[in-house]
Amino acid sequence: MAMTTAPALLARLQNRSDADAWKQLLDLYTPLLLRWVGRLGVSTNDADDLVQEVWQAVAREMPDFNYDPNRGSFRGWLKSILLNRVRDHRRRSKYRAVAVSDQFDALADLLADDASEASKQWDREHDRYILTRLLDRVRDEFSSNTWKAFVQLAIAGHDAETVAAELKITANAARIARCRVLARLREEAKTLGIDT
C-alpha cells in the first residue's frame, strides 16, 4: 500500500495559520526525520535542532509549493529539504571527520537520485512507518480474532481458508475482518492527511 501525503492536507499547509494541519504534519513526520538525520551521521545532540531547521524551511517554502504528482511527491520534496539542511549543518560544523564526511556525501548523493536503491529504501521506509502509525492507532478498536484475521490475510498474505481454520471462524468471516480493518485504516489515514 503506497502512502502519499494528501493534496488536501498540502493545501491546508499553504495557509500558515492552519495550526491543526501543521500539528498533523509535524506529529506524523518528525519521528521519521529524526531517524533519517541519525542515519546521515548527525549527532543526537544536533538532531532536534536540524529537524527544526527542516520544518522552518518547509514553512517558509510551503506557500510556493505546488503539488504536481508528475513532478514528484511531497516526501521527495521533504527529503530534498532534509538533505540540504544536513549539508548546511555539515558545512557549519567545526569538526568534520573525513571518513564520516565521505560516507555522508555518498549517501546524500544516492538519496538525491530518485532511481537509487537508497532513495527507494527511503520510500519503502516512509510507507512502512506510515502504515505502522496507522496500525497502532486502530489496533485497539478490534477484537483479537478480527485483528489476527486481518494481519494473517492482509499483511502475512495467508489465504482465507488457512486463517479461518487457525482462528476457528469461517473463511468469509476472515475476509470480512480484513475488509473492516482496511476500511478503518483508510478512514484513519484520511484523518492524518494520507492518501492510500
Protein backbone atom coordinates (compact mmCIF):
# COMPACT_ATOMS: atom_id res chain seq x y z
CA MET A 1 0.00 0.00 0.00
CA ALA A 2 1.70 3.21 -1.16
CA MET A 3 1.25 6.14 1.18
CA THR A 4 1.22 9.73 -0.05
CA THR A 5 0.56 12.99 1.72
CA ALA A 6 -2.93 14.01 0.68
CA PRO A 7 -3.25 17.06 -1.59
CA ALA A 8 -5.96 18.37 0.75
CA LEU A 9 -3.50 18.44 3.68
CA LEU A 10 -0.86 20.09 1.49
CA ALA A 11 -3.37 22.78 0.50
CA ARG A 12 -4.20 23.39 4.17
CA LEU A 13 -0.48 23.71 4.96
CA GLN A 14 -0.14 26.56 2.50
CA ASN A 15 -2.22 28.56 4.92
CA ARG A 16 0.36 29.13 7.65
CA SER A 17 -2.37 29.86 10.18
CA ASP A 18 -3.89 26.35 9.96
CA ALA A 19 -2.32 25.13 13.21
CA ASP A 20 -4.13 21.77 13.10
CA ALA A 21 -2.68 20.93 9.69
CA TRP A 22 0.85 21.85 10.83
CA LYS A 23 0.48 19.84 14.04
CA GLN A 24 -0.71 16.88 11.98
CA LEU A 25 2.31 17.11 9.68
CA LEU A 26 4.82 17.56 12.50
CA ASP A 27 3.39 14.71 14.55
CA LEU A 28 3.44 12.44 11.55
CA TYR A 29 6.85 13.16 10.05
CA THR A 30 9.13 14.35 12.87
CA PRO A 31 9.98 10.83 14.17
CA LEU A 32 10.84 9.69 10.64
CA LEU A 33 13.03 12.75 10.03
CA LEU A 34 14.84 12.16 13.32
CA ARG A 35 15.55 8.59 12.28
CA TRP A 36 16.96 9.74 8.97
CA VAL A 37 19.17 12.51 10.34
CA GLY A 38 20.68 9.90 12.64
CA ARG A 39 21.43 7.70 9.63
CA LEU A 40 23.02 10.66 7.88
CA GLY A 41 25.56 10.97 10.68
CA VAL A 42 24.06 13.87 12.63
CA SER A 43 24.75 13.62 16.35
CA THR A 44 21.86 13.07 18.73
CA ASN A 45 22.62 16.47 20.27
CA ASP A 46 22.12 18.22 16.91
CA ALA A 47 19.25 16.11 15.56
CA ASP A 48 16.35 18.04 17.11
CA ASP A 49 17.78 21.38 16.01
CA LEU A 50 18.33 20.10 12.49
CA VAL A 51 14.79 18.74 12.20
CA GLN A 52 13.54 22.11 13.47
CA GLU A 53 15.51 23.75 10.62
CA VAL A 54 13.83 21.36 8.17
CA TRP A 55 10.38 22.40 9.44
CA GLN A 56 11.33 26.08 9.26
CA ALA A 57 12.37 25.61 5.63
CA VAL A 58 9.15 23.73 4.86
CA ALA A 59 7.07 26.50 6.47
CA ARG A 60 8.99 29.17 4.56
CA GLU A 61 8.66 27.39 1.20
CA MET A 62 5.19 25.84 1.60
CA PRO A 63 3.23 28.87 0.30
CA ASP A 64 5.03 28.44 -3.04
CA PHE A 65 4.84 24.63 -3.07
CA ASN A 66 2.73 23.36 -5.96
CA TYR A 67 1.86 19.71 -5.68
CA ASP A 68 2.22 18.02 -9.04
CA PRO A 69 2.40 14.21 -8.83
CA ASN A 70 4.09 14.17 -12.25
CA ARG A 71 6.99 16.22 -10.87
CA GLY A 72 7.42 14.31 -7.62
CA SER A 73 5.99 13.63 -4.21
CA PHE A 74 5.82 15.67 -1.04
CA ARG A 75 8.09 13.11 0.62
CA GLY A 76 10.65 13.65 -2.17
CA TRP A 77 10.50 17.40 -1.61
CA LEU A 78 10.84 16.87 2.14
CA LYS A 79 13.83 14.58 1.53
CA SER A 80 15.50 17.29 -0.58
CA ILE A 81 14.99 19.86 2.16
CA LEU A 82 16.37 17.44 4.73
CA LEU A 83 19.48 16.72 2.64
CA ASN A 84 20.09 20.44 2.09
CA ARG A 85 19.77 21.20 5.81
CA VAL A 86 22.14 18.35 6.68
CA ARG A 87 24.65 19.61 4.09
CA ASP A 88 24.38 23.12 5.56
CA HIS A 89 24.84 21.70 9.05
CA ARG A 90 27.96 19.82 7.99
CA ARG A 91 29.43 22.96 6.38
CA ARG A 92 28.83 24.92 9.60
CA SER A 93 30.23 22.16 11.79
CA LYS A 94 33.64 22.86 13.27
CA TYR A 95 34.51 19.16 13.46
CA ARG A 96 34.26 17.19 10.28
CA ALA A 97 35.75 13.71 10.20
CA VAL A 98 36.84 12.83 6.68
CA ALA A 99 35.51 9.26 6.76
CA VAL A 100 32.12 10.35 8.09
CA SER A 101 32.05 13.18 5.56
CA ASP A 102 32.77 10.82 2.68
CA GLN A 103 30.07 8.42 3.88
CA PHE A 104 27.57 11.25 4.17
CA ASP A 105 28.40 12.66 0.75
CA ALA A 106 27.98 9.23 -0.86
CA LEU A 107 24.66 8.57 0.90
CA ALA A 108 23.36 12.09 0.21
CA ASP A 109 24.16 11.69 -3.49
CA LEU A 110 22.33 8.35 -3.56
CA LEU A 111 19.30 9.77 -1.76
CA ALA A 112 19.16 12.70 -4.16
CA ASP A 113 18.84 10.24 -7.07
CA ASP A 114 15.20 9.05 -7.08
CA ALA A 115 16.20 5.91 -9.01
CA SER A 116 18.83 4.80 -6.47
CA GLU A 117 18.30 1.93 -4.07
CA ALA A 118 18.84 4.33 -1.13
CA SER A 119 16.05 6.58 -2.40
CA LYS A 120 13.76 3.59 -2.93
CA GLN A 121 14.62 2.49 0.63
CA TRP A 122 13.59 5.98 1.84
CA ASP A 123 10.22 5.50 0.12
CA ARG A 124 9.74 1.98 1.49
CA GLU A 125 10.63 3.12 4.99
CA HIS A 126 8.25 6.05 4.67
CA ASP A 127 5.40 3.71 3.71
CA ARG A 128 6.24 1.20 6.47
CA TYR A 129 6.45 4.00 9.01
CA ILE A 130 3.07 5.46 8.00
CA LEU A 131 1.45 2.01 7.95
CA THR A 132 2.84 1.23 11.40
CA ARG A 133 1.49 4.52 12.74
CA LEU A 134 -1.93 3.73 11.26
CA LEU A 135 -1.94 0.17 12.62
CA ASP A 136 -1.02 1.40 16.09
CA ARG A 137 -3.82 3.96 16.02
CA VAL A 138 -6.61 1.50 15.16
CA ARG A 139 -5.49 -1.82 16.67
CA ASP A 140 -7.38 -1.44 19.96
CA GLU A 141 -10.67 -0.86 18.13
CA PHE A 142 -10.88 -4.51 17.06
CA SER A 143 -11.29 -7.84 18.78
CA SER A 144 -8.29 -10.12 18.96
CA ASN A 145 -9.71 -12.52 16.34
CA THR A 146 -10.59 -9.71 13.93
CA TRP A 147 -7.10 -8.28 14.24
CA LYS A 148 -5.43 -11.68 13.82
CA ALA A 149 -7.51 -12.40 10.73
CA PHE A 150 -6.56 -9.04 9.24
CA VAL A 151 -2.84 -9.50 9.97
CA GLN A 152 -2.80 -13.03 8.57
CA LEU A 153 -4.69 -12.09 5.39
CA ALA A 154 -3.57 -8.54 4.63
CA ILE A 155 -0.04 -8.48 5.99
CA ALA A 156 1.20 -12.08 6.08
CA GLY A 157 -0.60 -12.95 2.84
CA HIS A 158 -2.17 -16.21 4.00
CA ASP A 159 -5.29 -17.49 2.29
CA ALA A 160 -8.70 -17.12 3.94
CA GLU A 161 -9.25 -20.85 4.39
CA THR A 162 -5.98 -21.32 6.30
CA VAL A 163 -6.70 -18.30 8.51
CA ALA A 164 -10.26 -19.47 9.11
CA ALA A 165 -9.11 -22.92 10.20
CA GLU A 166 -6.49 -21.45 12.55
CA LEU A 167 -8.91 -18.98 14.15
CA LYS A 168 -11.91 -21.34 14.08
CA ILE A 169 -14.03 -18.95 12.03
CA THR A 170 -15.40 -19.13 8.50
CA ALA A 171 -13.33 -18.01 5.54
CA ASN A 172 -15.97 -15.36 4.85
CA ALA A 173 -15.67 -14.06 8.44
CA ALA A 174 -11.88 -13.78 7.94
CA ARG A 175 -12.39 -11.79 4.71
CA ILE A 176 -14.93 -9.53 6.40
CA ALA A 177 -12.46 -8.90 9.25
CA ARG A 178 -9.80 -7.89 6.73
CA CYS A 179 -12.22 -5.54 4.96
CA ARG A 180 -13.36 -3.93 8.22
CA VAL A 181 -9.80 -3.20 9.36
CA LEU A 182 -8.74 -1.96 5.92
CA ALA A 183 -11.74 0.38 5.77
CA ARG A 184 -10.87 1.74 9.21
CA LEU A 185 -7.19 2.17 8.20
CA ARG A 186 -8.23 4.18 5.14
CA GLU A 187 -10.51 6.32 7.29
CA GLU A 188 -7.72 6.94 9.81
CA ALA A 189 -5.27 7.70 7.01
CA LYS A 190 -7.58 10.47 5.81
CA THR A 191 -7.63 12.00 9.29
CA LEU A 192 -3.81 12.09 9.15
CA GLY A 193 -3.82 13.62 5.68
CA ILE A 194 -2.52 10.47 3.98
CA ASP A 195 -3.83 9.01 0.72
CA THR A 196 -3.62 5.24 0.38
